[in-house]
C-alpha cells in the first residue's frame, strides 16, 4: 500500500499536514489549524487548475487517505489547544510570581532579605 499511498492525489496534502504536526510538536510556536485551511484551499485550487483528480480508482485507498487527513487535522487542533493551555498557564504563573515577589518586597523591611529592594539592586 505504501507505494500507492505516495502516488495518491491527496498524498501531498497528507504530507503537508504531517509536516505541520511535526513542526508544532518541536517548536515553541504552534502551527495553527487555520493555516492548514488555507493550505487545503490552495491545494484544491492547484488541483483544479491543473485538471488533476482528487481521488484514485481505489475507493478503499481514497477512504484511507481521507481518514488519515482527518486524524492529522484533529491532531493539529489538539496540539493547538495544548499550546494555548501552556501559554495561558505560563502567563498566569508569571503574573502570580510577580505579585508574590512584589508583596514580599513591600512587606520585607530587612535589608538582608533575598526579597529586599537593596539586595536585588546588588544583583542587577
Protein backbone atom coordinates (compact mmCIF):
# COMPACT_ATOMS: atom_id res chain seq x y z
CA UNK A 1 0.00 0.00 0.00
CA UNK A 2 2.89 2.43 0.71
CA UNK A 3 3.73 2.80 -3.00
CA UNK A 4 0.09 3.50 -3.78
CA UNK A 5 -0.20 5.97 -0.91
CA UNK A 6 2.73 8.08 -2.11
CA UNK A 7 1.24 8.19 -5.61
CA UNK A 8 -2.26 9.08 -4.42
CA UNK A 9 -3.51 12.54 -5.50
CA UNK A 10 -4.10 13.52 -1.84
CA UNK A 11 -0.62 12.48 -0.69
CA UNK A 12 0.91 15.99 -0.98
CA UNK A 13 -1.83 17.33 1.30
CA UNK A 14 -1.33 14.48 3.77
CA UNK A 15 2.43 15.04 3.77
CA UNK A 16 1.98 18.78 4.35
CA UNK A 17 -0.34 18.17 7.30
CA UNK A 18 2.05 15.62 8.77
CA UNK A 19 4.88 18.16 8.48
CA UNK A 20 2.77 20.82 10.22
CA UNK A 21 2.08 18.41 13.10
CA UNK A 22 5.79 17.63 13.38
CA UNK A 23 6.70 21.33 13.43
CA UNK A 24 4.04 22.01 16.01
CA UNK A 25 5.47 19.42 18.40
CA UNK A 26 9.07 20.60 18.02
CA UNK A 27 8.85 24.36 18.29
CA UNK A 28 7.64 26.93 20.73
CA UNK A 29 5.18 28.26 18.17
CA UNK A 30 2.28 26.03 17.32
CA UNK A 31 1.16 25.81 13.71
CA UNK A 32 -2.48 26.86 13.61
CA UNK A 33 -5.24 24.82 12.12
CA UNK A 34 -6.33 27.95 10.26
CA UNK A 35 -3.09 27.83 8.28
CA UNK A 36 -3.98 24.32 7.19
CA UNK A 37 -7.38 25.53 5.99
CA UNK A 38 -5.53 27.93 3.69
CA UNK A 39 -3.32 25.06 2.54
CA UNK A 40 -6.41 22.99 1.67
CA UNK A 41 -7.84 25.87 -0.36
CA UNK A 42 -4.54 26.27 -2.22
CA UNK A 43 -4.30 22.53 -2.84
CA UNK A 44 -7.84 22.39 -4.25
CA UNK A 45 -7.18 25.44 -6.44
CA UNK A 46 -3.97 23.92 -7.87
CA UNK A 47 -5.55 20.50 -8.44
CA UNK A 48 -8.47 22.09 -10.29
CA UNK A 49 -6.22 24.43 -12.29
CA UNK A 50 -4.03 21.52 -13.41
CA UNK A 51 -7.05 19.28 -14.01
CA UNK A 52 -5.81 16.66 -11.56
CA UNK A 53 -8.13 14.23 -9.84
CA UNK A 54 -8.64 14.24 -6.09
CA UNK A 55 -9.22 10.52 -5.81
CA UNK A 56 -7.82 7.31 -7.26
CA UNK A 57 -9.69 4.38 -8.73
CA UNK A 58 -9.42 2.53 -5.42
CA UNK A 59 -12.23 3.60 -3.05
CA UNK A 60 -10.58 1.85 -0.09
CA UNK A 61 -7.36 3.78 -0.62
CA UNK A 62 -9.32 7.02 -1.08
CA UNK A 63 -11.11 6.36 2.20
CA UNK A 64 -7.79 5.64 3.95
CA UNK A 65 -6.30 8.90 2.70
CA UNK A 66 -9.30 10.97 3.74
CA UNK A 67 -9.37 9.34 7.19
CA UNK A 68 -5.62 9.91 7.63
CA UNK A 69 -6.03 13.60 6.75
CA UNK A 70 -8.94 13.88 9.19
CA UNK A 71 -6.95 12.24 12.00
CA UNK A 72 -3.94 14.51 11.45
CA UNK A 73 -6.23 17.55 11.30
CA UNK A 74 -7.69 16.59 14.68
CA UNK A 75 -4.16 16.02 15.98
CA UNK A 76 -3.17 19.52 14.82
CA UNK A 77 -6.23 21.01 16.55
CA UNK A 78 -5.32 19.22 19.79
CA UNK A 79 -1.71 20.42 19.57
CA UNK A 80 -3.03 23.94 19.12
CA UNK A 81 -5.17 23.57 22.26
CA UNK A 82 -2.24 22.22 24.28
CA UNK A 83 -0.06 25.11 23.13
CA UNK A 84 -2.75 27.63 24.13
CA UNK A 85 -3.12 25.99 27.54
CA UNK A 86 0.65 26.07 28.10
CA UNK A 87 0.86 29.74 27.18
CA UNK A 88 -2.07 30.54 29.48
CA UNK A 89 -0.52 28.57 32.36
CA UNK A 90 2.85 30.30 31.92
CA UNK A 91 1.37 33.79 31.81
CA UNK A 92 -0.77 33.12 34.90
CA UNK A 93 2.18 31.59 36.74
CA UNK A 94 4.46 34.53 35.92
CA UNK A 95 1.77 37.01 36.97
CA UNK A 96 1.34 35.12 40.25
CA UNK A 97 5.10 35.14 40.87
CA UNK A 98 5.32 38.86 40.14
CA UNK A 99 2.50 39.57 42.58
CA UNK A 100 4.09 37.38 45.24
CA UNK A 101 7.53 38.93 44.74
CA UNK A 102 6.12 42.46 44.89
CA UNK A 103 4.11 41.79 48.04
CA UNK A 104 7.08 40.13 49.78
CA UNK A 105 9.37 43.00 48.75
CA UNK A 106 6.94 45.58 50.09
CA UNK A 107 6.36 43.69 53.32
CA UNK A 108 10.03 42.94 53.96
CA UNK A 109 11.97 45.73 55.63
CA UNK A 110 15.04 43.58 56.26
CA UNK A 111 17.95 44.73 54.04
CA UNK A 112 19.46 41.22 54.18
CA UNK A 113 16.30 39.56 52.88
CA UNK A 114 16.53 37.98 49.41
CA UNK A 115 13.40 39.97 48.54
CA UNK A 116 14.78 43.25 49.78
CA UNK A 117 14.97 46.08 47.22
CA UNK A 118 18.53 46.81 48.40
CA UNK A 119 19.58 43.18 47.88
CA UNK A 120 18.01 42.94 44.41
CA UNK A 121 19.81 46.11 43.32
CA UNK A 122 23.13 44.43 44.09
CA UNK A 123 22.32 41.61 41.64
CA UNK A 124 21.38 43.92 38.78
